């Protein structure tokens, strides 16, 4: 799963990657700083701590991302 979202104050998109096949779990913020994680649950936790729906141009994109993350977390625990 790869997502790109645009913050209201950023020129570049925020990118989120959750790829179980290749074990890639990353977040890149609109200022191009990035984080690498060991699991989708770590990605979800980081997003909840550092981002909020009000920061994004299209709030539905943020909600869609969080819904997909929650679904992937359900799959991770199975």
N, C-alpha and C. Protein backbone atom coordinates (compact mmCIF):
# COMPACT_ATOMS: atom_id res chain seq x y z
N UNK A 1 0.84 -1.16 0.00
CA UNK A 1 0.00 0.00 0.00
C UNK A 1 0.89 1.24 0.00
N UNK A 2 0.64 2.12 -0.92
CA UNK A 2 1.36 3.40 -0.97
C UNK A 2 0.34 4.52 -1.04
N UNK A 3 0.56 5.54 -0.23
CA UNK A 3 -0.33 6.70 -0.18
C UNK A 3 0.47 7.97 -0.33
N UNK A 4 -0.10 8.95 -1.01
CA UNK A 4 0.45 10.30 -1.09
C UNK A 4 -0.65 11.27 -0.70
N UNK A 5 -0.34 12.11 0.28
CA UNK A 5 -1.28 13.10 0.76
C UNK A 5 -0.59 14.46 0.75
N UNK A 6 -1.35 15.51 0.55
CA UNK A 6 -0.77 16.85 0.53
C UNK A 6 -1.21 17.64 1.75
N UNK A 7 -0.21 18.14 2.48
CA UNK A 7 -0.50 19.04 3.59
C UNK A 7 -0.80 20.43 3.06
N UNK A 8 -1.50 21.20 3.84
CA UNK A 8 -1.86 22.56 3.45
C UNK A 8 -0.62 23.45 3.35
N UNK A 9 0.41 23.16 4.15
CA UNK A 9 1.59 24.02 4.19
C UNK A 9 2.80 23.44 3.46
N UNK A 10 2.62 22.33 2.74
CA UNK A 10 3.77 21.69 2.12
C UNK A 10 3.72 21.72 0.61
N UNK A 11 4.91 21.79 0.02
CA UNK A 11 5.02 21.76 -1.44
C UNK A 11 5.05 20.33 -1.96
N UNK A 12 5.64 19.43 -1.17
CA UNK A 12 5.80 18.04 -1.57
C UNK A 12 4.77 17.17 -0.85
N UNK A 13 4.39 16.05 -1.46
CA UNK A 13 3.41 15.18 -0.81
C UNK A 13 4.02 14.43 0.37
N UNK A 14 3.16 14.03 1.27
CA UNK A 14 3.53 13.12 2.35
C UNK A 14 3.29 11.72 1.80
N UNK A 15 4.29 10.88 1.87
CA UNK A 15 4.18 9.53 1.32
C UNK A 15 4.25 8.50 2.45
N UNK A 16 3.36 7.52 2.36
CA UNK A 16 3.33 6.42 3.33
C UNK A 16 3.40 5.12 2.54
N UNK A 17 4.30 4.24 2.96
CA UNK A 17 4.43 2.92 2.33
C UNK A 17 4.32 1.84 3.39
N UNK A 18 3.41 0.90 3.15
CA UNK A 18 3.28 -0.29 3.98
C UNK A 18 3.29 -1.47 3.02
N UNK A 19 4.44 -2.15 2.95
CA UNK A 19 4.64 -3.23 1.98
C UNK A 19 5.14 -4.46 2.73
N UNK A 20 4.21 -5.37 3.01
CA UNK A 20 4.56 -6.59 3.75
C UNK A 20 5.44 -7.53 2.95
N UNK A 21 5.25 -7.58 1.64
CA UNK A 21 6.04 -8.48 0.81
C UNK A 21 7.53 -8.17 0.87
N UNK A 22 7.86 -6.89 0.88
CA UNK A 22 9.26 -6.48 0.91
C UNK A 22 9.69 -5.94 2.27
N UNK A 23 8.76 -5.98 3.24
CA UNK A 23 9.03 -5.50 4.60
C UNK A 23 9.52 -4.05 4.59
N UNK A 24 8.79 -3.21 3.88
CA UNK A 24 9.09 -1.78 3.81
C UNK A 24 7.96 -1.03 4.48
N UNK A 25 8.30 -0.25 5.51
CA UNK A 25 7.34 0.54 6.27
C UNK A 25 7.94 1.93 6.46
N UNK A 26 7.49 2.89 5.67
CA UNK A 26 8.10 4.22 5.70
C UNK A 26 7.07 5.34 5.68
N UNK A 27 7.51 6.50 6.15
CA UNK A 27 6.73 7.73 6.08
C UNK A 27 7.68 8.83 5.64
N UNK A 28 7.27 9.63 4.66
CA UNK A 28 8.01 10.83 4.30
C UNK A 28 7.07 12.01 4.46
N UNK A 29 7.51 13.00 5.21
CA UNK A 29 6.68 14.18 5.48
C UNK A 29 6.83 15.19 4.35
N UNK A 30 6.01 16.22 4.38
CA UNK A 30 6.01 17.22 3.31
C UNK A 30 7.31 18.03 3.26
N UNK A 31 8.08 18.02 4.34
CA UNK A 31 9.38 18.71 4.33
C UNK A 31 10.50 17.78 3.86
N UNK A 32 10.14 16.63 3.37
CA UNK A 32 10.99 15.57 2.82
C UNK A 32 11.80 14.80 3.87
N UNK A 33 11.55 15.06 5.16
CA UNK A 33 12.16 14.20 6.18
C UNK A 33 11.43 12.87 6.17
N UNK A 34 12.11 11.83 6.58
CA UNK A 34 11.49 10.52 6.53
C UNK A 34 11.76 9.69 7.76
N UNK A 35 10.95 8.67 7.91
CA UNK A 35 11.09 7.71 9.00
C UNK A 35 10.95 6.31 8.42
N UNK A 36 11.69 5.38 8.99
CA UNK A 36 11.62 3.98 8.60
C UNK A 36 11.19 3.18 9.83
N UNK A 37 10.26 2.24 9.63
CA UNK A 37 9.70 1.48 10.74
C UNK A 37 9.84 -0.01 10.50
N UNK A 38 9.57 -0.78 11.55
CA UNK A 38 9.65 -2.24 11.47
C UNK A 38 8.29 -2.90 11.22
N UNK A 39 7.21 -2.12 11.33
CA UNK A 39 5.88 -2.71 11.17
C UNK A 39 4.85 -1.63 10.82
N UNK A 40 3.71 -2.08 10.35
CA UNK A 40 2.61 -1.16 10.04
C UNK A 40 2.07 -0.51 11.31
N UNK A 41 2.10 -1.23 12.40
CA UNK A 41 1.60 -0.65 13.65
C UNK A 41 2.47 0.52 14.10
N UNK A 42 3.78 0.46 13.86
CA UNK A 42 4.65 1.58 14.17
C UNK A 42 4.35 2.79 13.27
N UNK A 43 4.05 2.51 12.00
CA UNK A 43 3.67 3.58 11.07
C UNK A 43 2.40 4.27 11.58
N UNK A 44 1.40 3.48 11.91
CA UNK A 44 0.13 4.03 12.39
C UNK A 44 0.32 4.85 13.66
N UNK A 45 1.13 4.36 14.57
CA UNK A 45 1.38 5.08 15.82
C UNK A 45 2.07 6.41 15.54
N UNK A 46 3.05 6.42 14.65
CA UNK A 46 3.76 7.65 14.32
C UNK A 46 2.81 8.67 13.70
N UNK A 47 1.97 8.22 12.77
CA UNK A 47 1.03 9.11 12.10
C UNK A 47 0.07 9.72 13.11
N UNK A 48 -0.44 8.92 14.03
CA UNK A 48 -1.37 9.42 15.04
C UNK A 48 -0.72 10.46 15.94
N UNK A 49 0.58 10.32 16.19
CA UNK A 49 1.29 11.25 17.07
C UNK A 49 1.72 12.53 16.36
N UNK A 50 1.97 12.47 15.04
CA UNK A 50 2.56 13.60 14.34
C UNK A 50 1.67 14.30 13.33
N UNK A 51 0.63 13.66 12.89
CA UNK A 51 -0.26 14.25 11.89
C UNK A 51 -1.68 14.31 12.42
N UNK A 52 -2.44 15.28 11.90
CA UNK A 52 -3.87 15.35 12.20
C UNK A 52 -4.61 15.70 10.92
N UNK A 53 -5.86 15.36 10.88
CA UNK A 53 -6.66 15.55 9.68
C UNK A 53 -6.70 17.01 9.23
N UNK A 54 -6.63 17.94 10.18
CA UNK A 54 -6.70 19.37 9.86
C UNK A 54 -5.51 19.86 9.04
N UNK A 55 -4.42 19.13 9.04
CA UNK A 55 -3.20 19.53 8.33
C UNK A 55 -3.29 19.30 6.83
N UNK A 56 -4.25 18.52 6.37
CA UNK A 56 -4.25 18.07 4.98
C UNK A 56 -5.26 18.81 4.12
N UNK A 57 -4.89 18.98 2.85
CA UNK A 57 -5.75 19.67 1.89
C UNK A 57 -7.05 18.91 1.69
N UNK A 58 -6.95 17.59 1.66
CA UNK A 58 -8.13 16.75 1.45
C UNK A 58 -8.27 15.81 2.65
N UNK A 59 -9.10 16.17 3.61
CA UNK A 59 -9.25 15.34 4.82
C UNK A 59 -9.64 13.90 4.52
N UNK A 60 -10.40 13.68 3.45
CA UNK A 60 -10.80 12.31 3.12
C UNK A 60 -9.60 11.42 2.82
N UNK A 61 -8.53 12.00 2.25
CA UNK A 61 -7.32 11.22 1.99
C UNK A 61 -6.71 10.71 3.30
N UNK A 62 -6.70 11.57 4.31
CA UNK A 62 -6.18 11.17 5.62
C UNK A 62 -7.04 10.06 6.21
N UNK A 63 -8.35 10.22 6.16
CA UNK A 63 -9.25 9.19 6.70
C UNK A 63 -9.09 7.87 5.95
N UNK A 64 -8.94 7.93 4.62
CA UNK A 64 -8.73 6.71 3.84
C UNK A 64 -7.44 6.02 4.25
N UNK A 65 -6.38 6.80 4.42
CA UNK A 65 -5.10 6.24 4.86
C UNK A 65 -5.25 5.53 6.20
N UNK A 66 -5.88 6.19 7.15
CA UNK A 66 -6.02 5.60 8.48
C UNK A 66 -6.89 4.34 8.43
N UNK A 67 -7.92 4.34 7.59
CA UNK A 67 -8.76 3.14 7.44
C UNK A 67 -7.95 1.98 6.88
N UNK A 68 -7.14 2.25 5.85
CA UNK A 68 -6.31 1.19 5.28
C UNK A 68 -5.25 0.70 6.27
N UNK A 69 -4.70 1.61 7.05
CA UNK A 69 -3.74 1.19 8.07
C UNK A 69 -4.40 0.29 9.11
N UNK A 70 -5.60 0.67 9.53
CA UNK A 70 -6.31 -0.16 10.51
C UNK A 70 -6.60 -1.55 9.95
N UNK A 71 -6.99 -1.60 8.67
CA UNK A 71 -7.24 -2.89 8.03
C UNK A 71 -5.97 -3.72 7.94
N UNK A 72 -4.85 -3.08 7.63
CA UNK A 72 -3.59 -3.82 7.53
C UNK A 72 -3.14 -4.28 8.92
N UNK A 73 -3.47 -3.51 9.95
CA UNK A 73 -3.14 -3.94 11.31
C UNK A 73 -3.96 -5.16 11.70
N UNK A 74 -5.21 -5.19 11.27
CA UNK A 74 -6.03 -6.37 11.51
C UNK A 74 -5.41 -7.59 10.85
N UNK A 75 -4.94 -7.41 9.60
CA UNK A 75 -4.30 -8.51 8.88
C UNK A 75 -2.99 -8.93 9.55
N UNK A 76 -2.28 -7.96 10.11
CA UNK A 76 -0.99 -8.22 10.75
C UNK A 76 -1.16 -9.10 11.98
N UNK A 77 -2.27 -8.94 12.69
CA UNK A 77 -2.48 -9.69 13.91
C UNK A 77 -3.08 -11.08 13.66
N UNK A 78 -3.51 -11.35 12.44
CA UNK A 78 -4.11 -12.66 12.12
C UNK A 78 -3.04 -13.70 11.88
